[in-house]
Amino acid sequence: ARIVLTAGKVKKELPGRAIANEENGAVDVEAGVKMADLKALLAGGKLLVVETKGVKQQVALAGAPDAFGAFESACKGN
């Protein structure tokens, strides 16, 4: 499985792994992303488009860049 994340002109394709969700019968897709790529996506636009197997879902990024900044600082121990 693969996930495509797009925000504005920033697009990242991630190799993923399909995981059966026993609670709702769906299939979840998990993938890792580098911090720099995530930061670029969050700064790329107001909406994040998540795509897997041709299905797209939009997620509003309001407040996400600020939250990421705080998370990044905490990870660095600042």
PDB file of N, CA and C in Angstrom:
ATOM      1  N   ALA A   1       0.852  -1.183   0.000  1.00  0.00           N
ATOM      2  CA  ALA A   1       0.000   0.000   0.000  1.00  0.00           C
ATOM      3  C   ALA A   1       0.888   1.234   0.000  1.00  0.00           C
ATOM      4  N   ARG A   2       0.394   2.292  -0.562  1.00  0.00           N
ATOM      5  CA  ARG A   2       1.155   3.538  -0.556  1.00  0.00           C
ATOM      6  C   ARG A   2       0.201   4.677  -0.247  1.00  0.00           C
ATOM      7  N   ILE A   3       0.768   5.728   0.328  1.00  0.00           N
ATOM      8  CA  ILE A   3       0.002   6.925   0.670  1.00  0.00           C
ATOM      9  C   ILE A   3       0.616   8.101  -0.069  1.00  0.00           C
ATOM     10  N   VAL A   4      -0.233   8.938  -0.646  1.00  0.00           N
ATOM     11  CA  VAL A   4       0.217  10.167  -1.283  1.00  0.00           C
ATOM     12  C   VAL A   4      -0.348  11.325  -0.467  1.00  0.00           C
ATOM     13  N   LEU A   5       0.542  12.191   0.022  1.00  0.00           N
ATOM     14  CA  LEU A   5       0.150  13.377   0.782  1.00  0.00           C
ATOM     15  C   LEU A   5       0.457  14.601  -0.059  1.00  0.00           C
ATOM     16  N   THR A   6      -0.524  15.490  -0.215  1.00  0.00           N
ATOM     17  CA  THR A   6      -0.346  16.692  -1.016  1.00  0.00           C
ATOM     18  C   THR A   6      -0.898  17.895  -0.265  1.00  0.00           C
ATOM     19  N   ALA A   7      -0.104  18.965  -0.232  1.00  0.00           N
ATOM     20  CA  ALA A   7      -0.545  20.241   0.343  1.00  0.00           C
ATOM     21  C   ALA A   7      -0.005  21.324  -0.573  1.00  0.00           C
ATOM     22  N   GLY A   8      -0.904  22.013  -1.266  1.00  0.00           N
ATOM     23  CA  GLY A   8      -0.449  23.012  -2.235  1.00  0.00           C
ATOM     24  C   GLY A   8       0.388  22.339  -3.308  1.00  0.00           C
ATOM     25  N   LYS A   9       1.600  22.836  -3.520  1.00  0.00           N
ATOM     26  CA  LYS A   9       2.496  22.274  -4.533  1.00  0.00           C
ATOM     27  C   LYS A   9       3.418  21.189  -3.976  1.00  0.00           C
ATOM     28  N   VAL A  10       3.320  20.915  -2.677  1.00  0.00           N
ATOM     29  CA  VAL A  10       4.174  19.911  -2.035  1.00  0.00           C
ATOM     30  C   VAL A  10       3.469  18.557  -2.089  1.00  0.00           C
ATOM     31  N   LYS A  11       4.173  17.558  -2.626  1.00  0.00           N
ATOM     32  CA  LYS A  11       3.605  16.214  -2.751  1.00  0.00           C
ATOM     33  C   LYS A  11       4.637  15.190  -2.292  1.00  0.00           C
ATOM     34  N   LYS A  12       4.221  14.287  -1.422  1.00  0.00           N
ATOM     35  CA  LYS A  12       5.094  13.232  -0.908  1.00  0.00           C
ATOM     36  C   LYS A  12       4.398  11.889  -1.084  1.00  0.00           C
ATOM     37  N   GLU A  13       5.105  10.939  -1.690  1.00  0.00           N
ATOM     38  CA  GLU A  13       4.596   9.577  -1.833  1.00  0.00           C
ATOM     39  C   GLU A  13       5.332   8.696  -0.833  1.00  0.00           C
ATOM     40  N   LEU A  14       4.578   7.984  -0.018  1.00  0.00           N
ATOM     41  CA  LEU A  14       5.154   7.186   1.059  1.00  0.00           C
ATOM     42  C   LEU A  14       4.789   5.714   0.905  1.00  0.00           C
ATOM     43  N   PRO A  15       5.772   4.835   1.029  1.00  0.00           N
ATOM     44  CA  PRO A  15       5.429   3.410   1.054  1.00  0.00           C
ATOM     45  C   PRO A  15       4.731   3.111   2.373  1.00  0.00           C
ATOM     46  N   GLY A  16       3.662   2.358   2.307  1.00  0.00           N
ATOM     47  CA  GLY A  16       2.907   2.079   3.520  1.00  0.00           C
ATOM     48  C   GLY A  16       2.637   0.599   3.695  1.00  0.00           C
ATOM     49  N   ARG A  17       1.918   0.306   4.754  1.00  0.00           N
ATOM     50  CA  ARG A  17       1.578  -1.072   5.082  1.00  0.00           C
ATOM     51  C   ARG A  17       0.094  -1.117   5.422  1.00  0.00           C
ATOM     52  N   ALA A  18      -0.645  -2.008   4.766  1.00  0.00           N
ATOM     53  CA  ALA A  18      -2.070  -2.165   5.031  1.00  0.00           C
ATOM     54  C   ALA A  18      -2.262  -2.990   6.299  1.00  0.00           C
ATOM     55  N   ILE A  19      -3.111  -2.485   7.193  1.00  0.00           N
ATOM     56  CA  ILE A  19      -3.391  -3.141   8.471  1.00  0.00           C
ATOM     57  C   ILE A  19      -4.911  -3.302   8.611  1.00  0.00           C
ATOM     58  N   ALA A  20      -5.371  -4.517   8.856  1.00  0.00           N
ATOM     59  CA  ALA A  20      -6.806  -4.743   9.058  1.00  0.00           C
ATOM     60  C   ALA A  20      -7.248  -4.087  10.362  1.00  0.00           C
ATOM     61  N   ASN A  21      -8.339  -3.321  10.293  1.00  0.00           N
ATOM     62  CA  ASN A  21      -8.912  -2.689  11.476  1.00  0.00           C
ATOM     63  C   ASN A  21     -10.064  -3.573  11.951  1.00  0.00           C
ATOM     64  N   GLU A  22      -9.848  -4.297  13.027  1.00  0.00           N
ATOM     65  CA  GLU A  22     -10.847  -5.247  13.514  1.00  0.00           C
ATOM     66  C   GLU A  22     -12.080  -4.565  14.096  1.00  0.00           C
ATOM     67  N   GLU A  23     -11.955  -3.314  14.518  1.00  0.00           N
ATOM     68  CA  GLU A  23     -13.084  -2.604  15.125  1.00  0.00           C
ATOM     69  C   GLU A  23     -14.152  -2.233  14.109  1.00  0.00           C
ATOM     70  N   ASN A  24     -13.728  -1.788  12.912  1.00  0.00           N
ATOM     71  CA  ASN A  24     -14.721  -1.340  11.937  1.00  0.00           C
ATOM     72  C   ASN A  24     -14.671  -2.104  10.618  1.00  0.00           C
ATOM     73  N   GLY A  25     -13.795  -3.099  10.509  1.00  0.00           N
ATOM     74  CA  GLY A  25     -13.731  -3.912   9.305  1.00  0.00           C
ATOM     75  C   GLY A  25     -13.021  -3.253   8.138  1.00  0.00           C
ATOM     76  N   ALA A  26     -12.506  -2.057   8.338  1.00  0.00           N
ATOM     77  CA  ALA A  26     -11.807  -1.336   7.272  1.00  0.00           C
ATOM     78  C   ALA A  26     -10.340  -1.763   7.241  1.00  0.00           C
ATOM     79  N   VAL A  27      -9.618  -1.218   6.289  1.00  0.00           N
ATOM     80  CA  VAL A  27      -8.176  -1.429   6.202  1.00  0.00           C
ATOM     81  C   VAL A  27      -7.504  -0.081   6.406  1.00  0.00           C
ATOM     82  N   ASP A  28      -6.630   0.015   7.395  1.00  0.00           N
ATOM     83  CA  ASP A  28      -5.863   1.230   7.646  1.00  0.00           C
ATOM     84  C   ASP A  28      -4.523   1.108   6.938  1.00  0.00           C
ATOM     85  N   VAL A  29      -3.966   2.234   6.534  1.00  0.00           N
ATOM     86  CA  VAL A  29      -2.648   2.242   5.912  1.00  0.00           C
ATOM     87  C   VAL A  29      -1.721   3.061   6.796  1.00  0.00           C
ATOM     88  N   GLU A  30      -0.612   2.457   7.200  1.00  0.00           N
ATOM     89  CA  GLU A  30       0.371   3.130   8.050  1.00  0.00           C
ATOM     90  C   GLU A  30       1.629   3.394   7.244  1.00  0.00           C
ATOM     91  N   ALA A  31       2.224   4.579   7.442  1.00  0.00           N
ATOM     92  CA  ALA A  31       3.472   4.924   6.762  1.00  0.00           C
ATOM     93  C   ALA A  31       4.251   5.900   7.629  1.00  0.00           C
ATOM     94  N   GLY A  32       5.555   5.857   7.515  1.00  0.00           N
ATOM     95  CA  GLY A  32       6.412   6.802   8.226  1.00  0.00           C
ATOM     96  C   GLY A  32       6.781   7.964   7.320  1.00  0.00           C
ATOM     97  N   VAL A  33       7.096   9.093   7.936  1.00  0.00           N
ATOM     98  CA  VAL A  33       7.487  10.279   7.165  1.00  0.00           C
ATOM     99  C   VAL A  33       8.600  10.995   7.922  1.00  0.00           C
ATOM    100  N   LYS A  34       9.529  11.571   7.187  1.00  0.00           N
ATOM    101  CA  LYS A  34      10.612  12.339   7.802  1.00  0.00           C
ATOM    102  C   LYS A  34      10.059  13.665   8.312  1.00  0.00           C
ATOM    103  N   MET A  35      10.643  14.165   9.402  1.00  0.00           N
ATOM    104  CA  MET A  35      10.191  15.437   9.987  1.00  0.00           C
ATOM    105  C   MET A  35      10.249  16.568   8.960  1.00  0.00           C
ATOM    106  N   ALA A  36      11.310  16.627   8.158  1.00  0.00           N
ATOM    107  CA  ALA A  36      11.447  17.699   7.168  1.00  0.00           C
ATOM    108  C   ALA A  36      10.335  17.632   6.129  1.00  0.00           C
ATOM    109  N   ASP A  37       9.954  16.422   5.722  1.00  0.00           N
ATOM    110  CA  ASP A  37       8.867  16.270   4.750  1.00  0.00           C
ATOM    111  C   ASP A  37       7.532  16.682   5.357  1.00  0.00           C
ATOM    112  N   LEU A  38       7.307  16.311   6.610  1.00  0.00           N
ATOM    113  CA  LEU A  38       6.075  16.697   7.293  1.00  0.00           C
ATOM    114  C   LEU A  38       5.989  18.213   7.438  1.00  0.00           C
ATOM    115  N   LYS A  39       7.092  18.829   7.801  1.00  0.00           N
ATOM    116  CA  LYS A  39       7.141  20.286   7.948  1.00  0.00           C
ATOM    117  C   LYS A  39       6.825  20.969   6.619  1.00  0.00           C
ATOM    118  N   ALA A  40       7.378  20.450   5.524  1.00  0.00           N
ATOM    119  CA  ALA A  40       7.113  21.010   4.197  1.00  0.00           C
ATOM    120  C   ALA A  40       5.642  20.870   3.824  1.00  0.00           C
ATOM    121  N   LEU A  41       5.045  19.733   4.134  1.00  0.00           N
ATOM    122  CA  LEU A  41       3.622  19.534   3.847  1.00  0.00           C
ATOM    123  C   LEU A  41       2.756  20.502   4.636  1.00  0.00           C
ATOM    124  N   LEU A  42       3.063  20.680   5.913  1.00  0.00           N
ATOM    125  CA  LEU A  42       2.258  21.566   6.757  1.00  0.00           C
ATOM    126  C   LEU A  42       2.362  23.019   6.325  1.00  0.00           C
ATOM    127  N   ALA A  43       3.492  23.386   5.732  1.00  0.00           N
ATOM    128  CA  ALA A  43       3.680  24.756   5.254  1.00  0.00           C
ATOM    129  C   ALA A  43       3.195  24.924   3.817  1.00  0.00           C
ATOM    130  N   GLY A  44       2.824  23.822   3.166  1.00  0.00           N
ATOM    131  CA  GLY A  44       2.499  23.850   1.743  1.00  0.00           C
ATOM    132  C   GLY A  44       1.150  24.428   1.384  1.00  0.00           C
ATOM    133  N   GLY A  45       0.210  24.429   2.297  1.00  0.00           N
ATOM    134  CA  GLY A  45      -1.119  24.930   1.969  1.00  0.00           C
ATOM    135  C   GLY A  45      -2.049  24.851   3.162  1.00  0.00           C
ATOM    136  N   LYS A  46      -3.319  25.173   2.915  1.00  0.00           N
ATOM    137  CA  LYS A  46      -4.317  25.175   3.986  1.00  0.00           C
ATOM    138  C   LYS A  46      -5.018  23.830   4.131  1.00  0.00           C
ATOM    139  N   LEU A  47      -4.878  22.975   3.103  1.00  0.00           N
ATOM    140  CA  LEU A  47      -5.499  21.656   3.132  1.00  0.00           C
ATOM    141  C   LEU A  47      -4.466  20.591   2.827  1.00  0.00           C
ATOM    142  N   LEU A  48      -4.558  19.473   3.507  1.00  0.00           N
ATOM    143  CA  LEU A  48      -3.741  18.305   3.221  1.00  0.00           C
ATOM    144  C   LEU A  48      -4.658  17.287   2.561  1.00  0.00           C
ATOM    145  N   VAL A  49      -4.252  16.797   1.397  1.00  0.00           N
ATOM    146  CA  VAL A  49      -5.008  15.753   0.716  1.00  0.00           C
ATOM    147  C   VAL A  49      -4.281  14.436   0.951  1.00  0.00           C
ATOM    148  N   VAL A  50      -4.990  13.483   1.527  1.00  0.00           N
ATOM    149  CA  VAL A  50      -4.452  12.154   1.795  1.00  0.00           C
ATOM    150  C   VAL A  50      -5.090  11.208   0.784  1.00  0.00           C
ATOM    151  N   GLU A  51      -4.251  10.491   0.029  1.00  0.00           N
ATOM    152  CA  GLU A  51      -4.762   9.598  -1.011  1.00  0.00           C
ATOM    153  C   GLU A  51      -4.158   8.211  -0.853  1.00  0.00           C
ATOM    154  N   THR A  52      -5.009   7.214  -0.922  1.00  0.00           N
ATOM    155  CA  THR A  52      -4.553   5.834  -0.972  1.00  0.00           C
ATOM    156  C   THR A  52      -5.541   5.028  -1.806  1.00  0.00           C
ATOM    157  N   LYS A  53      -5.014   4.226  -2.704  1.00  0.00           N
ATOM    158  CA  LYS A  53      -5.821   3.406  -3.618  1.00  0.00           C
ATOM    159  C   LYS A  53      -6.847   4.243  -4.375  1.00  0.00           C
ATOM    160  N   GLY A  54      -6.474   5.461  -4.764  1.00  0.00           N
ATOM    161  CA  GLY A  54      -7.345   6.317  -5.549  1.00  0.00           C
ATOM    162  C   GLY A  54      -8.408   7.061  -4.759  1.00  0.00           C
ATOM    163  N   VAL A  55      -8.529   6.796  -3.476  1.00  0.00           N
ATOM    164  CA  VAL A  55      -9.505   7.489  -2.631  1.00  0.00           C
ATOM    165  C   VAL A  55      -8.800   8.659  -1.958  1.00  0.00           C
ATOM    166  N   LYS A  56      -9.424   9.850  -2.044  1.00  0.00           N
ATOM    167  CA  LYS A  56      -8.824  11.055  -1.478  1.00  0.00           C
ATOM    168  C   LYS A  56      -9.676  11.595  -0.335  1.00  0.00           C
ATOM    169  N   GLN A  57      -8.990  12.108   0.678  1.00  0.00           N
ATOM    170  CA  GLN A  57      -9.653  12.753   1.817  1.00  0.00           C
ATOM    171  C   GLN A  57      -8.905  14.042   2.119  1.00  0.00           C
ATOM    172  N   GLN A  58      -9.633  15.137   2.290  1.00  0.00           N
ATOM    173  CA  GLN A  58      -9.009  16.415   2.620  1.00  0.00           C
ATOM    174  C   GLN A  58      -9.070  16.649   4.125  1.00  0.00           C
ATOM    175  N   VAL A  59      -7.978  17.221   4.647  1.00  0.00           N
ATOM    176  CA  VAL A  59      -7.888  17.554   6.067  1.00  0.00           C
ATOM    177  C   VAL A  59      -7.428  19.003   6.180  1.00  0.00           C
ATOM    178  N   ALA A  60      -8.174  19.824   6.917  1.00  0.00           N
ATOM    179  CA  ALA A  60      -7.778  21.219   7.120  1.00  0.00           C
ATOM    180  C   ALA A  60      -6.522  21.273   7.985  1.00  0.00           C
ATOM    181  N   LEU A  61      -5.600  22.157   7.632  1.00  0.00           N
ATOM    182  CA  LEU A  61      -4.336  22.284   8.356  1.00  0.00           C
ATOM    183  C   LEU A  61      -4.307  23.488   9.296  1.00  0.00           C
ATOM    184  N   ALA A  62      -5.470  24.060   9.592  1.00  0.00           N
ATOM    185  CA  ALA A  62      -5.526  25.218  10.487  1.00  0.00           C
ATOM    186  C   ALA A  62      -4.887  24.876  11.827  1.00  0.00           C
ATOM    187  N   GLY A  63      -3.873  25.639  12.215  1.00  0.00           N
ATOM    188  CA  GLY A  63      -3.195  25.439  13.487  1.00  0.00           C
ATOM    189  C   GLY A  63      -2.118  24.369  13.473  1.00  0.00           C
ATOM    190  N   ALA A  64      -2.068  23.560  12.430  1.00  0.00           N
ATOM    191  CA  ALA A  64      -1.100  22.454  12.382  1.00  0.00           C
ATOM    192  C   ALA A  64       0.356  22.924  12.356  1.00  0.00           C
ATOM    193  N   PRO A  65       0.706  23.957  11.574  1.00  0.00           N
ATOM    194  CA  PRO A  65       2.116  24.383  11.579  1.00  0.00           C
ATOM    195  C   PRO A  65       2.598  24.830  12.961  1.00  0.00           C
ATOM    196  N   ASP A  66       1.761  25.540  13.708  1.00  0.00           N
ATOM    197  CA  ASP A  66       2.142  25.976  15.057  1.00  0.00           C
ATOM    198  C   ASP A  66       2.291  24.780  15.996  1.00  0.00           C
ATOM    199  N   ALA A  67       1.351  23.838  15.900  1.00  0.00           N
ATOM    200  CA  ALA A  67       1.423  22.640  16.739  1.00  0.00           C
ATOM    201  C   ALA A  67       2.671  21.831  16.392  1.00  0.00           C
ATOM    202  N   PHE A  68       3.001  21.757  15.108  1.00  0.00           N
ATOM    203  CA  PHE A  68       4.204  21.032  14.699  1.00  0.00           C
ATOM    204  C   PHE A  68       5.451  21.712  15.250  1.00  0.00           C
ATOM    205  N   GLY A  69       5.475  23.043  15.234  1.00  0.00           N
ATOM    206  CA  GLY A  69       6.619  23.778  15.776  1.00  0.00           C
ATOM    207  C   GLY A  69       6.851  23.442  17.242  1.00  0.00           C
ATOM    208  N   ALA A  70       5.767  23.375  18.014  1.00  0.00           N
ATOM    209  CA  ALA A  70       5.880  23.022  19.432  1.00  0.00           C
ATOM    210  C   ALA A  70       6.354  21.578  19.593  1.00  0.00           C
ATOM    211  N   PHE A  71       5.836  20.686  18.757  1.00  0.00           N
ATOM    212  CA  PHE A  71       6.241  19.280  18.793  1.00  0.00           C
ATOM    213  C   PHE A  71       7.719  19.132  18.436  1.00  0.00           C
ATOM    214  N   GLU A  72       8.141  19.836  17.397  1.00  0.00           N
ATOM    215  CA  GLU A  72       9.538  19.780  16.961  1.00  0.00           C
ATOM    216  C   GLU A  72      10.472  20.284  18.065  1.00  0.00           C
ATOM    217  N   SER A  73      10.088  21.371  18.722  1.00  0.00           N
ATOM    218  CA  SER A  73      10.895  21.904  19.827  1.00  0.00           C
ATOM    219  C   SER A  73      10.994  20.903  20.970  1.00  0.00           C
ATOM    220  N   ALA A  74       9.875  20.261  21.285  1.00  0.00           N
ATOM    221  CA  ALA A  74       9.879  19.269  22.364  1.00  0.00           C
ATOM    222  C   ALA A  74      10.779  18.085  22.019  1.00  0.00           C
ATOM    223  N   CYS A  75      10.781  17.682  20.757  1.00  0.00           N
ATOM    224  CA  CYS A  75      11.622  16.555  20.330  1.00  0.00           C
ATOM    225  C   CYS A  75      13.105  16.899  20.420  1.00  0.00           C
ATOM    226  N   LYS A  76      13.420  18.161  20.191  1.00  0.00           N
ATOM    227  CA  LYS A  76      14.817  18.597  20.234  1.00  0.00           C
ATOM    228  C   LYS A  76      15.262  18.941  21.650  1.00  0.00           C
ATOM    229  N   GLY A  77      14.305  18.947  22.582  1.00  0.00           N
ATOM    230  CA  GLY A  77      14.632  19.253  23.975  1.00  0.00           C
ATOM    231  C   GLY A  77      14.808  20.729  24.249  1.00  0.00           C
ATOM    232  N   ASN A  78      14.230  21.587  23.396  1.00  0.00           N
ATOM    233  CA  ASN A  78      14.329  23.046  23.583  1.00  0.00           C
ATOM    234  C   ASN A  78      13.163  23.556  24.393  1.00  0.00           C
TER     235      ASN A  78
END
